[in-house]
Amino acid sequence: MKRTTIVADESLLLELKHQAKREGRTVSELIREALEGYLRRGEKKKTLSFVGAGRSGRNDISEKSEEILEQAFERAR
């Protein structure tokens, strides 16, 4: 890991310290977790490029592809 410095509002840092104490964790842990969550939120979900390529007779494949695939996997188990 590499150390870095941030500039933040004093009240935010105080709140962060209190939260870390309540959870029994370090401020650094909370900041790392928050940064990871922020960066993951921006990631796009990968979709299968071939979904909807055939003719199924359904007109909702593109909107419900994940749900349809999940149901198919459940039936296959």
C-alpha atoms as a PDB file:
ATOM      1  CA  MET A   1       0.000   0.000   0.000  1.00  0.00           C
ATOM      2  CA  LYS A   2       0.986   3.564  -0.533  1.00  0.00           C
ATOM      3  CA  ARG A   3       0.345   6.506   1.772  1.00  0.00           C
ATOM      4  CA  THR A   4      -1.449   9.605   0.488  1.00  0.00           C
ATOM      5  CA  THR A   5      -2.880  12.822   1.886  1.00  0.00           C
ATOM      6  CA  ILE A   6      -6.391  14.168   1.471  1.00  0.00           C
ATOM      7  CA  VAL A   7      -7.918  17.513   2.326  1.00  0.00           C
ATOM      8  CA  ALA A   8     -11.353  17.254   3.946  1.00  0.00           C
ATOM      9  CA  ASP A   9     -13.710  19.350   5.988  1.00  0.00           C
ATOM     10  CA  GLU A  10     -12.949  19.199   9.715  1.00  0.00           C
ATOM     11  CA  SER A  11     -16.476  18.085  10.641  1.00  0.00           C
ATOM     12  CA  LEU A  12     -16.304  15.257   8.090  1.00  0.00           C
ATOM     13  CA  LEU A  13     -13.017  14.013   9.533  1.00  0.00           C
ATOM     14  CA  LEU A  14     -14.413  14.174  13.075  1.00  0.00           C
ATOM     15  CA  GLU A  15     -17.455  12.160  11.994  1.00  0.00           C
ATOM     16  CA  LEU A  16     -15.163   9.664  10.282  1.00  0.00           C
ATOM     17  CA  LYS A  17     -13.082   9.242  13.460  1.00  0.00           C
ATOM     18  CA  HIS A  18     -16.214   8.648  15.531  1.00  0.00           C
ATOM     19  CA  GLN A  19     -17.499   6.086  13.029  1.00  0.00           C
ATOM     20  CA  ALA A  20     -14.175   4.263  13.042  1.00  0.00           C
ATOM     21  CA  LYS A  21     -14.230   4.132  16.843  1.00  0.00           C
ATOM     22  CA  ARG A  22     -17.823   2.829  16.897  1.00  0.00           C
ATOM     23  CA  GLU A  23     -16.908   0.057  14.463  1.00  0.00           C
ATOM     24  CA  GLY A  24     -13.566  -0.747  16.064  1.00  0.00           C
ATOM     25  CA  ARG A  25     -11.773  -0.031  12.810  1.00  0.00           C
ATOM     26  CA  THR A  26      -9.210   2.461  11.615  1.00  0.00           C
ATOM     27  CA  VAL A  27      -9.950   5.642   9.714  1.00  0.00           C
ATOM     28  CA  SER A  28      -7.767   4.304   6.915  1.00  0.00           C
ATOM     29  CA  GLU A  29      -9.897   1.176   6.620  1.00  0.00           C
ATOM     30  CA  LEU A  30     -13.079   3.216   6.319  1.00  0.00           C
ATOM     31  CA  ILE A  31     -11.545   5.524   3.708  1.00  0.00           C
ATOM     32  CA  ARG A  32     -10.248   2.580   1.645  1.00  0.00           C
ATOM     33  CA  GLU A  33     -13.653   0.893   1.804  1.00  0.00           C
ATOM     34  CA  ALA A  34     -15.423   4.095   0.767  1.00  0.00           C
ATOM     35  CA  LEU A  35     -13.031   4.656  -2.145  1.00  0.00           C
ATOM     36  CA  GLU A  36     -13.428   1.083  -3.353  1.00  0.00           C
ATOM     37  CA  GLY A  37     -17.216   1.403  -3.185  1.00  0.00           C
ATOM     38  CA  TYR A  38     -17.121   4.672  -5.091  1.00  0.00           C
ATOM     39  CA  LEU A  39     -14.930   3.226  -7.836  1.00  0.00           C
ATOM     40  CA  ARG A  40     -16.991   0.010  -8.140  1.00  0.00           C
ATOM     41  CA  ARG A  41     -20.177   2.038  -8.468  1.00  0.00           C
ATOM     42  CA  GLY A  42     -18.848   3.533 -11.695  1.00  0.00           C
ATOM     43  CA  GLU A  43     -18.078   0.178 -13.275  1.00  0.00           C
ATOM     44  CA  LYS A  44     -20.499  -0.935 -15.932  1.00  0.00           C
ATOM     45  CA  LYS A  45     -21.927  -4.407 -15.745  1.00  0.00           C
ATOM     46  CA  LYS A  46     -20.669  -6.568 -18.547  1.00  0.00           C
ATOM     47  CA  THR A  47     -23.402  -7.950 -20.723  1.00  0.00           C
ATOM     48  CA  LEU A  48     -23.350 -10.798 -23.148  1.00  0.00           C
ATOM     49  CA  SER A  49     -23.079  -9.422 -26.666  1.00  0.00           C
ATOM     50  CA  PHE A  50     -25.067 -12.259 -28.204  1.00  0.00           C
ATOM     51  CA  VAL A  51     -28.201 -11.806 -26.063  1.00  0.00           C
ATOM     52  CA  GLY A  52     -31.167 -11.250 -28.336  1.00  0.00           C
ATOM     53  CA  ALA A  53     -29.345 -12.450 -31.451  1.00  0.00           C
ATOM     54  CA  GLY A  54     -31.796 -15.266 -32.175  1.00  0.00           C
ATOM     55  CA  ARG A  55     -35.551 -15.524 -32.539  1.00  0.00           C
ATOM     56  CA  SER A  56     -37.291 -16.595 -29.361  1.00  0.00           C
ATOM     57  CA  GLY A  57     -40.689 -15.056 -29.956  1.00  0.00           C
ATOM     58  CA  ARG A  58     -40.185 -12.812 -26.921  1.00  0.00           C
ATOM     59  CA  ASN A  59     -39.893  -9.057 -27.168  1.00  0.00           C
ATOM     60  CA  ASP A  60     -38.393  -8.416 -23.729  1.00  0.00           C
ATOM     61  CA  ILE A  61     -35.070 -10.251 -24.036  1.00  0.00           C
ATOM     62  CA  SER A  62     -32.825  -7.179 -23.953  1.00  0.00           C
ATOM     63  CA  GLU A  63     -34.553  -5.714 -20.882  1.00  0.00           C
ATOM     64  CA  LYS A  64     -34.756  -8.965 -18.922  1.00  0.00           C
ATOM     65  CA  SER A  65     -31.709 -10.891 -20.149  1.00  0.00           C
ATOM     66  CA  GLU A  66     -30.132 -11.285 -16.707  1.00  0.00           C
ATOM     67  CA  GLU A  67     -33.389 -12.449 -15.132  1.00  0.00           C
ATOM     68  CA  ILE A  68     -34.044 -14.902 -17.974  1.00  0.00           C
ATOM     69  CA  LEU A  69     -30.530 -16.353 -17.757  1.00  0.00           C
ATOM     70  CA  GLU A  70     -30.769 -16.656 -13.969  1.00  0.00           C
ATOM     71  CA  GLN A  71     -34.050 -18.583 -14.309  1.00  0.00           C
ATOM     72  CA  ALA A  72     -32.484 -20.869 -16.909  1.00  0.00           C
ATOM     73  CA  PHE A  73     -29.526 -21.624 -14.617  1.00  0.00           C
ATOM     74  CA  GLU A  74     -31.898 -22.366 -11.722  1.00  0.00           C
ATOM     75  CA  ARG A  75     -33.881 -24.811 -13.871  1.00  0.00           C
ATOM     76  CA  ALA A  76     -30.667 -26.507 -14.995  1.00  0.00           C
ATOM     77  CA  ARG A  77     -29.574 -27.276 -11.431  1.00  0.00           C
END
